Amino acid sequence: MKPGSPFRLLLLSMLVILLAVASVPAGQVRAQELRIATAYKLMTLDPHYANLNENTSLLSHIYERLVYQDEHLDLKPGLGISWRATSATQWEFKLRPNVRFHNGSAFTADDVVYTVERIRDFLKPPSGGFRAYVSEIKAVSTPDPLTVVIDTNGNVPNLPLSLSSIFVMHRPGQGFQTTDELNAGSPPVGTGPYRFQSWSSGEMLKLARNDDYWGGRAAWPEVTFRVIESAAARVAALATGAVDVADAIPARDVASLKQRGARIASISAARVNFLQFDTERETLPGVTDKSGKPIANPFKNPSVRRALAMATDRGVLVDKILAGYATAAAQVFPSGLPGTSANLQVSPPNYDEAKALLAKAGFPDGFKLVLAGPAGRYPGDGESLQAIAQSWARIGVSVQPAAFPFSVFNTKRAAGDFALWYGGTSGEAVDIILHALLASPNPDRGTGALNFGHYRSEAFDAMLAKAESLPDGPERNKALADATDFVMADQPIIPLYHFHHIVAYGPRVGSYVMHPRGWTTAMQTLPATE
C-alpha cells in the first residue's frame, strides 16, 4: 500500500476522530452529548456576516428569527408570534413575551431594531450577506416593547419571508458589534435552545442546553459539531460509532452504512442544479463548428437550447450517478412546494426530435463546445458533466467536459471564460431563485444576481414582478407557477436535478427530521428511547 493512498488517508482520518472522543467516558457520552460530524465549515460567529448554509444551520442553535420556515417551507411564528400588513408600505409584528437572551436580558423590540440597522446600515461588503433582505426597510419603530412597526420604501408583500432569514441579535450597551469582536471575544448571545460553549474556526462548535429556553428544554444537554470535510471520513466516523449523526452522506455510501446498522434520512433539496447558457455575447469561448472554427453564439437561439434540454438524459444522472437520491428537475424547486408548476414534468430524452430542432436552427451537423463545472462542490457534479457529454453526442454536439475546483470555477466564470456551465442554487422560496437566476440583471432592482448568462425577457420580468407584488397565498403561488411555465418554455437554463440531502445516524438517535434547506441541527435529532 502506497504511503499516500486514499485508503491509508481514510484510516488516518478514522484514527484522529477516534482519538478525539476517546477521552470522554462512554457512559457520559451516551447520557449527555450528541456528536455530529458535519461538512459545514463554520468560519464566523457573526450571524449576519454571510448568507451561507453553514452559518444558518449551526448558528440557529444560538440565535432565532422572528419567523421561521418549517420542513414544508411554510412560515411559522418564532420570536414574532403574529404579523400583518397594516398598509401597502407598513407591517406590524407582535413579539413573543417572556423571552430572555442567554445573558438574562429580556428580548424586546429594541433588539429587532438593532438587528435590522446592523445589517442595513453597519455591515459592509464583503460582509453584509443579508442586506438584500432588509434593503427595502425604510424605518423600524417600537410603539411598545413587544411591538415592531416596519415601514418599507414600497410594497413588500413578502417581508415576513425575508425576515425568516434574519437572526435577531441582542442590542449591546452602545454601538454595533463588529464581526471581529464576535469572533474573538465574548460569547455570542442569542435566545435559542442552546448556549455557546466554545468554537474552533472551521473545526468544532460545542454547545450546552439553554435550560431557560422559552420553547422548553431541548432533548440533548450537550452538542458537539465536528467539522469533517471529507465525506469518506464522515462515513467512517459514523460507522465506527465516533459520532451519532453525519450529514452530506454520498449516495454511494448509503447501502454500506445500512449494512452496518445505520439509519438514513433524506429529502429532496429546496434547490436546483442546472446548466446555464451565455445568451448575450456574439461569440463564445470554446464553441466552434466541427472543424474547430469559431461560430456565432448558438445559444441565442431558443431552439438550440430546447434541443440540448431534450437530449439531456436526467434518468442517468438521478439513477446511476446519484443512486436514486435525487429528483429529476424541470423547474427550480421540487414539484409540490409553494409556487411550483404542476405543468412542468421531466420527459425521457428524445434524440430524434432534438436533432431535428438543431437542424432547423442551422446546425444539422451539430457543433463543439466546452461544458464547464465545479468538481466536488455538489453531489454528482463532475460525473454529470461526463454523462451529459455522452447524451449530447447522440445529436452531433461534441462536448469537452471541464471540471475545476469551485474557487477556480467561480473565478473563471466571473471572467467570462465559459459559454455553458453547470451550477446550483438554493433559496427560501421559488420567487427568490427566479428573481436571482432568471430575471434580467438589474442592479437597481436587485434582480439577476445569479443570471451569469445575462438572459433577458421583459415579459417574464413583468410576470415575476406582478407575482412578487402579491401577498403569500394561493394567488401568489399560481402567479409564480405561471411565470415559471412562461420562462421555462424559453429554456434559459436546463434544470437537471434536485439532489437529496442525506443524513445517517446511529443507535443513540431515534429519529431525524429532514429539512429541504439541508440544515443540520440538534433540534432535528431526537434521542432513542431505552
Protein backbone atom coordinates (compact mmCIF):
# COMPACT_ATOMS: atom_id res chain seq x y z
CA MET A 1 0.00 0.00 0.00
CA LYS A 2 1.42 3.36 -1.00
CA PRO A 3 2.03 5.89 1.83
CA GLY A 4 -0.32 8.44 0.28
CA SER A 5 -3.07 6.06 -0.84
CA PRO A 6 -6.72 7.07 -0.25
CA PHE A 7 -7.25 4.01 1.96
CA ARG A 8 -4.35 4.97 4.23
CA LEU A 9 -5.61 8.55 4.46
CA LEU A 10 -9.05 7.24 5.37
CA LEU A 11 -7.56 5.09 8.15
CA LEU A 12 -5.63 8.07 9.49
CA SER A 13 -8.80 10.19 9.45
CA MET A 14 -10.66 7.49 11.37
CA LEU A 15 -7.82 7.30 13.94
CA VAL A 16 -7.88 11.06 14.53
CA ILE A 17 -11.64 11.01 15.02
CA LEU A 18 -11.49 8.06 17.44
CA LEU A 19 -8.73 9.68 19.49
CA ALA A 20 -10.74 12.89 19.69
CA VAL A 21 -13.58 11.16 21.51
CA ALA A 22 -11.50 8.63 23.46
CA SER A 23 -11.06 10.94 26.45
CA VAL A 24 -14.83 11.08 27.10
CA PRO A 25 -16.21 8.15 29.14
CA ALA A 26 -18.65 6.08 27.10
CA GLY A 27 -21.42 6.27 29.68
CA GLN A 28 -21.15 10.04 29.86
CA VAL A 29 -21.28 10.35 26.06
CA ARG A 30 -24.39 8.19 25.92
CA ALA A 31 -26.12 10.19 28.61
CA GLN A 32 -25.16 13.73 27.76
CA GLU A 33 -23.60 14.53 24.41
CA LEU A 34 -24.89 14.47 20.86
CA ARG A 35 -21.93 14.20 18.48
CA ILE A 36 -22.45 15.38 14.90
CA ALA A 37 -20.00 15.11 12.02
CA THR A 38 -20.78 17.93 9.62
CA ALA A 39 -19.49 19.09 6.29
CA TYR A 40 -20.45 22.64 7.28
CA LYS A 41 -17.30 24.61 7.99
CA LEU A 42 -18.36 27.41 10.33
CA MET A 43 -15.86 30.23 9.84
CA THR A 44 -17.56 33.02 11.79
CA LEU A 45 -19.79 33.54 14.81
CA ASP A 46 -21.35 36.63 13.23
CA PRO A 47 -24.90 35.61 12.24
CA HIS A 48 -25.11 38.44 9.71
CA TYR A 49 -21.74 38.10 8.01
CA ALA A 50 -22.58 35.77 5.14
CA ASN A 51 -25.72 34.10 3.82
CA LEU A 52 -24.31 30.57 3.83
CA ASN A 53 -25.92 27.30 4.89
CA GLU A 54 -23.08 26.60 7.32
CA ASN A 55 -23.85 29.81 9.24
CA THR A 56 -27.61 29.40 9.02
CA SER A 57 -27.53 25.79 10.16
CA LEU A 58 -25.08 25.89 13.04
CA LEU A 59 -25.88 29.34 14.42
CA SER A 60 -29.61 28.51 14.55
CA HIS A 61 -28.86 26.72 17.83
CA ILE A 62 -27.84 30.04 19.39
CA TYR A 63 -29.89 32.65 17.54
CA GLU A 64 -33.52 32.78 16.46
CA ARG A 65 -35.64 34.60 13.87
CA LEU A 66 -38.93 36.47 14.06
CA VAL A 67 -40.36 33.97 11.59
CA TYR A 68 -39.02 30.61 10.51
CA GLN A 69 -39.67 28.10 7.72
CA ASP A 70 -40.70 24.62 8.78
CA GLU A 71 -39.87 21.42 6.90
CA HIS A 72 -42.65 22.21 4.40
CA LEU A 73 -41.25 25.75 3.86
CA ASP A 74 -44.36 27.21 5.50
CA LEU A 75 -43.87 30.30 7.67
CA LYS A 76 -44.25 29.73 11.41
CA PRO A 77 -44.06 32.04 14.44
CA GLY A 78 -40.64 32.36 16.02
CA LEU A 79 -39.73 35.35 18.15
CA GLY A 80 -42.65 37.03 16.40
CA ILE A 81 -45.99 35.49 17.34
CA SER A 82 -48.05 37.33 14.69
CA TRP A 83 -47.62 39.74 11.81
CA ARG A 84 -49.88 41.72 9.50
CA ALA A 85 -49.64 44.34 6.78
CA THR A 86 -51.29 47.49 8.09
CA SER A 87 -50.89 49.24 4.73
CA ALA A 88 -49.11 48.77 1.42
CA THR A 89 -45.91 50.10 3.00
CA GLN A 90 -46.16 49.09 6.63
CA TRP A 91 -46.01 45.86 8.65
CA GLU A 92 -46.69 45.22 12.32
CA PHE A 93 -45.07 42.34 14.23
CA LYS A 94 -46.13 41.28 17.70
CA LEU A 95 -43.28 39.75 19.68
CA ARG A 96 -43.20 36.74 21.96
CA PRO A 97 -43.32 37.71 25.64
CA ASN A 98 -41.15 36.31 28.42
CA VAL A 99 -38.18 35.51 26.18
CA ARG A 100 -34.70 36.04 27.56
CA PHE A 101 -31.28 36.12 25.96
CA HIS A 102 -28.60 33.79 27.23
CA ASN A 103 -27.17 36.59 29.39
CA GLY A 104 -30.52 37.02 31.16
CA SER A 105 -31.61 40.18 29.34
CA ALA A 106 -35.22 40.38 28.22
CA PHE A 107 -35.89 40.19 24.47
CA THR A 108 -37.67 43.37 23.29
CA ALA A 109 -38.47 45.31 20.15
CA ASP A 110 -35.22 47.27 20.54
CA ASP A 111 -33.28 44.10 19.67
CA VAL A 112 -35.18 43.80 16.39
CA VAL A 113 -34.40 47.44 15.56
CA TYR A 114 -30.73 46.85 16.32
CA THR A 115 -30.66 43.74 14.13
CA VAL A 116 -32.17 45.48 11.10
CA GLU A 117 -29.99 48.55 11.45
CA ARG A 118 -26.81 46.48 11.91
CA ILE A 119 -27.44 44.61 8.66
CA ARG A 120 -28.75 47.55 6.66
CA ASP A 121 -26.50 50.38 7.86
CA PHE A 122 -23.41 49.00 9.56
CA LEU A 123 -22.07 45.87 7.88
CA LYS A 124 -20.22 46.50 4.63
CA PRO A 125 -19.08 44.14 1.86
CA PRO A 126 -17.67 41.52 1.85
CA SER A 127 -19.81 41.04 4.95
CA GLY A 128 -23.45 42.06 4.97
CA GLY A 129 -24.67 38.99 3.09
CA PHE A 130 -28.21 39.60 4.34
CA ARG A 131 -28.58 43.21 3.26
CA ALA A 132 -30.87 42.32 0.35
CA TYR A 133 -33.45 41.06 2.85
CA VAL A 134 -33.70 44.43 4.61
CA SER A 135 -32.81 46.85 1.81
CA GLU A 136 -36.45 47.87 1.32
CA ILE A 137 -36.94 48.66 5.02
CA LYS A 138 -37.22 52.43 5.41
CA ALA A 139 -37.68 52.65 9.18
CA VAL A 140 -38.30 50.48 12.23
CA SER A 141 -40.20 51.80 15.24
CA THR A 142 -41.28 50.36 18.60
CA PRO A 143 -44.68 51.52 19.88
CA ASP A 144 -44.14 49.27 22.89
CA PRO A 145 -41.54 46.69 24.00
CA LEU A 146 -43.37 43.82 22.27
CA THR A 147 -44.44 45.54 19.04
CA VAL A 148 -42.33 46.34 16.00
CA VAL A 149 -43.61 48.51 13.15
CA ILE A 150 -41.66 48.31 9.89
CA ASP A 151 -42.10 50.94 7.17
CA THR A 152 -40.92 49.97 3.70
CA ASN A 153 -39.91 52.00 0.66
CA GLY A 154 -42.65 50.38 -1.40
CA ASN A 155 -45.00 47.45 -1.37
CA VAL A 156 -43.08 44.48 0.09
CA PRO A 157 -45.71 41.77 0.50
CA ASN A 158 -43.14 39.08 1.21
CA LEU A 159 -41.39 40.82 4.09
CA PRO A 160 -42.14 38.02 6.60
CA LEU A 161 -40.39 35.54 4.31
CA SER A 162 -37.37 37.84 4.06
CA LEU A 163 -37.21 38.13 7.84
CA SER A 164 -37.28 34.34 8.14
CA SER A 165 -33.60 34.51 7.11
CA ILE A 166 -32.55 37.05 9.73
CA PHE A 167 -31.21 36.05 13.16
CA VAL A 168 -32.09 38.51 15.92
CA MET A 169 -29.13 39.79 17.95
CA HIS A 170 -29.09 41.39 21.39
CA ARG A 171 -28.58 45.16 21.41
CA PRO A 172 -25.33 45.96 23.24
CA GLY A 173 -24.91 48.92 25.53
CA GLN A 174 -23.70 51.14 22.71
CA GLY A 175 -22.73 51.00 19.05
CA PHE A 176 -22.67 47.94 16.80
CA GLN A 177 -20.72 44.75 17.42
CA THR A 178 -18.14 44.06 14.72
CA THR A 179 -17.51 40.68 13.15
CA ASP A 180 -14.02 40.62 14.64
CA GLU A 181 -15.41 41.23 18.12
CA LEU A 182 -17.89 38.39 17.76
CA ASN A 183 -15.21 36.01 16.53
CA ALA A 184 -12.53 36.89 19.06
CA GLY A 185 -14.14 37.95 22.28
CA SER A 186 -17.25 37.45 24.32
CA PRO A 187 -19.58 34.52 23.62
CA PRO A 188 -22.41 35.12 21.13
CA VAL A 189 -25.69 35.90 22.90
CA GLY A 190 -28.95 34.67 21.44
CA THR A 191 -32.33 33.40 22.60
CA GLY A 192 -32.00 29.92 21.09
CA PRO A 193 -32.31 26.44 22.64
CA TYR A 194 -28.53 26.12 23.05
CA ARG A 195 -25.88 28.34 24.60
CA PHE A 196 -22.44 28.83 23.12
CA GLN A 197 -19.67 26.90 24.86
CA SER A 198 -16.59 27.01 22.62
CA TRP A 199 -15.57 27.21 18.99
CA SER A 200 -12.54 26.45 16.89
CA SER A 201 -12.92 28.11 13.50
CA GLY A 202 -13.53 25.54 10.80
CA GLU A 203 -13.02 22.64 13.24
CA MET A 204 -15.50 22.38 16.11
CA LEU A 205 -18.50 24.02 17.80
CA LYS A 206 -19.58 22.99 21.31
CA LEU A 207 -22.99 23.90 22.73
CA ALA A 208 -24.81 23.46 26.02
CA ARG A 209 -28.56 23.30 26.50
CA ASN A 210 -30.36 26.51 27.42
CA ASP A 211 -32.48 25.29 30.31
CA ASP A 212 -34.39 28.60 30.37
CA TYR A 213 -35.44 28.38 26.72
CA TRP A 214 -38.96 29.73 26.12
CA GLY A 215 -39.83 26.72 23.94
CA GLY A 216 -38.93 24.12 26.56
CA ARG A 217 -35.73 22.22 27.23
CA ALA A 218 -34.01 20.70 24.21
CA ALA A 219 -33.53 16.93 24.08
CA TRP A 220 -29.72 16.91 24.27
CA PRO A 221 -27.85 18.52 27.20
CA GLU A 222 -24.67 18.93 25.18
CA VAL A 223 -23.96 19.06 21.45
CA THR A 224 -20.62 18.89 19.66
CA PHE A 225 -20.27 19.58 15.96
CA ARG A 226 -17.05 18.24 14.48
CA VAL A 227 -16.22 19.69 11.08
CA ILE A 228 -15.12 16.78 8.88
CA GLU A 229 -14.89 17.98 5.30
CA SER A 230 -14.02 14.58 3.82
CA ALA A 231 -17.17 12.60 3.04
CA ALA A 232 -15.24 9.33 3.48
CA ALA A 233 -14.10 10.41 6.95
CA ARG A 234 -17.66 11.39 7.96
CA VAL A 235 -18.90 7.98 6.84
CA ALA A 236 -16.07 6.29 8.77
CA ALA A 237 -16.81 8.31 11.91
CA LEU A 238 -20.43 7.19 11.92
CA ALA A 239 -19.63 3.59 11.02
CA THR A 240 -17.20 3.29 13.95
CA GLY A 241 -19.53 4.99 16.45
CA ALA A 242 -17.28 8.02 16.90
CA VAL A 243 -20.27 10.26 16.10
CA ASP A 244 -24.04 9.87 16.30
CA VAL A 245 -25.02 11.81 13.18
CA ALA A 246 -23.22 12.51 9.90
CA ASP A 247 -24.54 14.86 7.24
CA ALA A 248 -23.91 15.22 3.49
CA ILE A 249 -23.60 11.46 3.01
CA PRO A 250 -22.73 10.45 -0.58
CA ALA A 251 -25.43 8.30 -2.18
CA ARG A 252 -22.83 5.64 -2.98
CA ASP A 253 -22.24 5.06 0.76
CA VAL A 254 -25.87 4.61 1.81
CA ALA A 255 -26.02 0.84 1.22
CA SER A 256 -22.85 0.07 3.16
CA LEU A 257 -23.95 2.24 6.09
CA LYS A 258 -27.30 0.46 6.21
CA GLN A 259 -25.48 -2.87 6.30
CA ARG A 260 -23.60 -1.62 9.36
CA GLY A 261 -26.87 -0.77 11.12
CA ALA A 262 -27.03 2.96 10.45
CA ARG A 263 -30.34 4.55 9.55
CA ILE A 264 -30.81 7.03 6.73
CA ALA A 265 -32.94 10.15 6.41
CA SER A 266 -33.20 12.02 3.11
CA ILE A 267 -35.28 14.68 1.41
CA SER A 268 -35.31 16.38 -1.97
CA ALA A 269 -33.43 19.66 -1.60
CA ALA A 270 -35.15 23.01 -1.97
CA ARG A 271 -32.63 23.89 -4.64
CA VAL A 272 -31.79 23.09 -8.24
CA ASN A 273 -28.67 22.06 -10.11
CA PHE A 274 -28.72 23.15 -13.71
CA LEU A 275 -26.88 24.10 -16.88
CA GLN A 276 -26.76 27.81 -17.69
CA PHE A 277 -26.20 29.32 -21.15
CA ASP A 278 -24.43 32.53 -22.07
CA THR A 279 -27.17 34.11 -24.18
CA GLU A 280 -25.61 37.58 -24.51
CA ARG A 281 -22.26 37.55 -26.30
CA GLU A 282 -21.99 37.26 -30.08
CA THR A 283 -19.23 34.63 -29.94
CA LEU A 284 -18.28 32.35 -27.10
CA PRO A 285 -15.08 30.73 -25.85
CA GLY A 286 -14.90 27.03 -26.60
CA VAL A 287 -17.80 26.97 -29.08
CA THR A 288 -16.83 26.05 -32.64
CA ASP A 289 -18.01 24.11 -35.65
CA LYS A 290 -16.84 20.54 -36.09
CA SER A 291 -13.61 21.70 -37.75
CA GLY A 292 -12.73 23.94 -34.81
CA LYS A 293 -13.67 27.23 -36.45
CA PRO A 294 -15.42 29.79 -34.18
CA ILE A 295 -19.15 30.28 -34.84
CA ALA A 296 -21.79 32.76 -33.79
CA ASN A 297 -23.29 32.12 -30.35
CA PRO A 298 -25.75 29.25 -30.92
CA PHE A 299 -27.37 29.75 -27.51
CA LYS A 300 -29.05 32.95 -28.62
CA ASN A 301 -31.47 30.66 -30.44
CA PRO A 302 -34.13 29.16 -28.11
CA SER A 303 -34.43 26.14 -30.43
CA VAL A 304 -30.81 25.21 -29.74
CA ARG A 305 -31.36 25.50 -26.00
CA ARG A 306 -34.51 23.35 -26.25
CA ALA A 307 -32.71 20.76 -28.35
CA LEU A 308 -29.97 20.36 -25.75
CA ALA A 309 -32.56 20.12 -22.99
CA MET A 310 -34.44 17.47 -24.99
CA ALA A 311 -31.24 15.48 -25.40
CA THR A 312 -30.35 15.51 -21.68
CA ASP A 313 -30.88 12.14 -20.01
CA ARG A 314 -31.74 13.12 -16.44
CA GLY A 315 -32.53 9.49 -15.63
CA VAL A 316 -28.85 8.58 -15.91
CA LEU A 317 -27.92 11.44 -13.60
CA VAL A 318 -30.51 10.52 -10.96
CA ASP A 319 -30.43 6.72 -11.09
CA LYS A 320 -26.82 5.96 -11.96
CA ILE A 321 -24.72 8.85 -10.67
CA LEU A 322 -26.81 9.73 -7.61
CA ALA A 323 -28.10 6.20 -6.93
CA GLY A 324 -31.70 7.39 -6.80
CA TYR A 325 -31.01 10.07 -4.16
CA ALA A 326 -32.14 12.90 -6.40
CA THR A 327 -35.26 14.03 -8.22
CA ALA A 328 -35.12 14.88 -11.92
CA ALA A 329 -35.82 18.59 -12.36
CA ALA A 330 -37.99 20.56 -14.76
CA GLN A 331 -38.11 23.76 -12.68
CA VAL A 332 -36.25 25.49 -9.86
CA PHE A 333 -37.92 23.76 -6.87
CA PRO A 334 -39.19 20.20 -6.46
CA SER A 335 -42.77 19.91 -7.68
CA GLY A 336 -45.35 20.38 -4.96
CA LEU A 337 -43.58 23.10 -2.99
CA PRO A 338 -45.29 26.53 -2.89
CA GLY A 339 -45.00 28.40 -6.21
CA THR A 340 -44.06 25.40 -8.35
CA SER A 341 -45.88 24.47 -11.56
CA ALA A 342 -47.80 21.24 -11.96
CA ASN A 343 -47.45 21.57 -15.74
CA LEU A 344 -43.69 21.09 -15.87
CA GLN A 345 -42.75 17.43 -15.97
CA VAL A 346 -39.49 15.69 -16.86
CA SER A 347 -39.61 13.67 -20.07
CA PRO A 348 -37.20 10.98 -21.28
CA PRO A 349 -34.65 12.22 -23.85
CA ASN A 350 -35.92 12.45 -27.43
CA TYR A 351 -32.79 12.41 -29.57
CA ASP A 352 -34.55 12.38 -32.93
CA GLU A 353 -36.64 15.44 -32.20
CA ALA A 354 -33.66 17.20 -30.63
CA LYS A 355 -31.55 16.56 -33.70
CA ALA A 356 -34.35 17.87 -35.92
CA LEU A 357 -34.55 21.05 -33.83
CA LEU A 358 -30.80 21.57 -34.19
CA ALA A 359 -31.02 21.11 -37.96
CA LYS A 360 -33.89 23.61 -38.18
CA ALA A 361 -31.79 26.08 -36.16
CA GLY A 362 -28.99 25.77 -38.69
CA PHE A 363 -26.80 23.10 -37.08
CA PRO A 364 -27.54 19.85 -38.91
CA ASP A 365 -24.07 18.53 -38.07
CA GLY A 366 -24.05 19.92 -34.53
CA PHE A 367 -21.06 21.81 -33.13
CA LYS A 368 -18.34 21.61 -30.48
CA LEU A 369 -18.37 23.13 -27.04
CA VAL A 370 -16.67 23.12 -23.66
CA LEU A 371 -19.00 22.32 -20.77
CA ALA A 372 -17.57 23.68 -17.51
CA GLY A 373 -18.45 22.98 -13.92
CA PRO A 374 -17.13 22.58 -10.39
CA ALA A 375 -15.65 19.33 -9.11
CA GLY A 376 -16.77 18.20 -5.66
CA ARG A 377 -18.98 21.17 -4.86
CA TYR A 378 -22.29 19.32 -5.35
CA PRO A 379 -23.24 15.65 -5.32
CA GLY A 380 -22.60 14.21 -8.77
CA ASP A 381 -21.26 17.40 -10.34
CA GLY A 382 -18.15 16.15 -12.15
CA GLU A 383 -19.76 12.85 -13.18
CA SER A 384 -22.80 14.74 -14.51
CA LEU A 385 -20.62 16.64 -16.97
CA GLN A 386 -19.38 13.36 -18.42
CA ALA A 387 -22.88 11.88 -18.68
CA ILE A 388 -24.29 14.96 -20.39
CA ALA A 389 -21.43 14.88 -22.89
CA GLN A 390 -22.37 11.31 -23.80
CA SER A 391 -26.05 12.22 -24.23
CA TRP A 392 -25.37 15.22 -26.44
CA ALA A 393 -23.00 13.26 -28.65
CA ARG A 394 -26.09 11.43 -29.90
CA ILE A 395 -27.35 14.62 -31.59
CA GLY A 396 -23.99 15.63 -33.04
CA VAL A 397 -22.86 18.01 -30.28
CA SER A 398 -19.28 17.22 -29.25
CA VAL A 399 -18.67 18.16 -25.63
CA GLN A 400 -15.41 18.58 -23.81
CA PRO A 401 -16.17 18.42 -20.06
CA ALA A 402 -14.01 20.73 -17.94
CA ALA A 403 -14.25 20.41 -14.14
CA PHE A 404 -12.42 22.77 -11.78
CA PRO A 405 -12.11 23.30 -8.02
CA PHE A 406 -15.02 25.51 -7.02
CA SER A 407 -12.93 28.61 -6.30
CA VAL A 408 -11.22 28.32 -9.70
CA PHE A 409 -14.54 27.68 -11.43
CA ASN A 410 -16.09 30.77 -9.83
CA THR A 411 -13.17 32.97 -10.86
CA LYS A 412 -13.21 31.72 -14.44
CA ARG A 413 -16.98 32.06 -14.76
CA ALA A 414 -16.81 35.64 -13.49
CA ALA A 415 -14.08 36.35 -16.05
CA GLY A 416 -16.30 35.12 -18.90
CA ASP A 417 -14.19 32.06 -19.68
CA PHE A 418 -17.21 29.78 -20.17
CA ALA A 419 -20.04 29.55 -22.68
CA LEU A 420 -22.10 26.94 -20.86
CA TRP A 421 -21.69 25.71 -17.31
CA TYR A 422 -23.09 23.58 -14.51
CA GLY A 423 -24.33 25.44 -11.45
CA GLY A 424 -26.50 25.14 -8.38
CA THR A 425 -28.53 27.43 -6.17
CA SER A 426 -30.99 27.37 -3.31
CA GLY A 427 -33.27 29.87 -1.65
CA GLU A 428 -36.11 30.42 0.76
CA ALA A 429 -38.78 30.30 -1.94
CA VAL A 430 -39.40 29.88 -5.67
CA ASP A 431 -39.56 33.62 -6.32
CA ILE A 432 -36.19 34.23 -4.69
CA ILE A 433 -34.50 31.80 -7.08
CA LEU A 434 -36.42 33.13 -10.09
CA HIS A 435 -35.51 36.66 -9.02
CA ALA A 436 -31.80 35.86 -8.80
CA LEU A 437 -31.32 33.23 -11.51
CA LEU A 438 -33.65 34.11 -14.39
CA ALA A 439 -34.77 37.74 -14.04
CA SER A 440 -32.91 40.26 -16.21
CA PRO A 441 -29.81 41.62 -14.46
CA ASN A 442 -30.75 44.98 -12.95
CA PRO A 443 -28.66 46.38 -10.06
CA ASP A 444 -31.30 49.00 -9.24
CA ARG A 445 -33.96 46.31 -8.70
CA GLY A 446 -31.51 43.78 -7.34
CA THR A 447 -32.52 41.17 -9.90
CA GLY A 448 -30.35 38.70 -11.80
CA ALA A 449 -27.60 38.32 -9.21
CA LEU A 450 -27.06 34.72 -10.38
CA ASN A 451 -28.02 35.31 -14.00
CA PHE A 452 -24.44 34.94 -15.21
CA GLY A 453 -25.66 34.11 -18.72
CA HIS A 454 -27.39 37.52 -18.98
CA TYR A 455 -30.68 36.06 -20.19
CA ARG A 456 -33.30 38.77 -20.63
CA SER A 457 -37.07 38.65 -21.07
CA GLU A 458 -39.15 41.75 -20.39
CA ALA A 459 -42.34 39.67 -20.43
CA PHE A 460 -41.02 37.30 -17.77
CA ASP A 461 -39.71 40.20 -15.68
CA ALA A 462 -43.22 41.73 -15.71
CA MET A 463 -44.86 38.42 -14.74
CA LEU A 464 -42.41 37.88 -11.90
CA ALA A 465 -42.81 41.45 -10.62
CA LYS A 466 -46.58 41.00 -10.58
CA ALA A 467 -46.29 37.72 -8.66
CA GLU A 468 -43.91 39.32 -6.17
CA SER A 469 -46.42 42.14 -5.54
CA LEU A 470 -48.96 39.64 -4.20
CA PRO A 471 -49.14 38.51 -0.57
CA ASP A 472 -48.34 34.92 0.36
CA GLY A 473 -51.10 32.55 -0.59
CA PRO A 474 -52.69 30.63 -3.48
CA GLU A 475 -52.88 33.65 -5.81
CA ARG A 476 -49.18 34.38 -5.43
CA ASN A 477 -48.28 30.71 -5.86
CA LYS A 478 -50.30 30.49 -9.08
CA ALA A 479 -48.71 33.66 -10.46
CA LEU A 480 -45.25 32.24 -9.73
CA ALA A 481 -46.18 28.95 -11.38
CA ASP A 482 -47.43 30.82 -14.47
CA ALA A 483 -44.20 32.84 -14.65
CA THR A 484 -42.20 29.63 -14.33
CA ASP A 485 -44.18 27.99 -17.16
CA PHE A 486 -43.51 31.01 -19.35
CA VAL A 487 -39.78 31.30 -18.75
CA MET A 488 -39.02 27.59 -18.93
CA ALA A 489 -40.65 27.42 -22.36
CA ASP A 490 -37.76 29.67 -23.45
CA GLN A 491 -35.20 27.33 -21.82
CA PRO A 492 -32.67 29.87 -20.45
CA ILE A 493 -31.36 27.08 -18.21
CA ILE A 494 -31.62 23.29 -18.27
CA PRO A 495 -32.75 22.09 -14.84
CA LEU A 496 -31.00 18.79 -14.11
CA TYR A 497 -31.94 17.52 -10.67
CA HIS A 498 -32.81 18.37 -7.10
CA PHE A 499 -30.30 16.28 -5.20
CA HIS A 500 -31.37 14.77 -1.91
CA HIS A 501 -29.90 15.83 1.39
CA ILE A 502 -28.80 12.61 3.08
CA VAL A 503 -28.13 12.23 6.79
CA ALA A 504 -27.11 9.00 8.53
CA TYR A 505 -27.50 8.33 12.23
CA GLY A 506 -26.54 5.67 14.73
CA PRO A 507 -28.27 3.78 17.56
CA ARG A 508 -28.32 6.65 20.09
CA VAL A 509 -30.61 8.61 17.76
CA GLY A 510 -34.26 7.63 17.49
CA SER A 511 -35.24 9.77 14.52
CA TYR A 512 -34.07 12.66 12.40
CA VAL A 513 -36.40 15.19 10.75
CA MET A 514 -35.02 16.39 7.42
CA HIS A 515 -35.39 19.97 6.20
CA PRO A 516 -35.39 20.74 2.45
CA ARG A 517 -32.93 23.58 3.05
CA GLY A 518 -30.37 21.00 4.15
CA TRP A 519 -29.79 22.29 7.66
CA THR A 520 -28.18 20.01 10.23
CA THR A 521 -29.25 20.76 13.81
CA ALA A 522 -29.60 19.08 17.17
CA MET A 523 -33.25 20.21 17.16
CA GLN A 524 -33.94 17.86 14.25
CA THR A 525 -32.39 14.96 16.16
CA LEU A 526 -34.46 13.01 18.70
CA PRO A 527 -32.75 10.58 21.08
CA ALA A 528 -33.59 6.91 21.05
CA THR A 529 -35.79 5.72 23.88
CA GLU A 530 -34.49 2.91 26.04
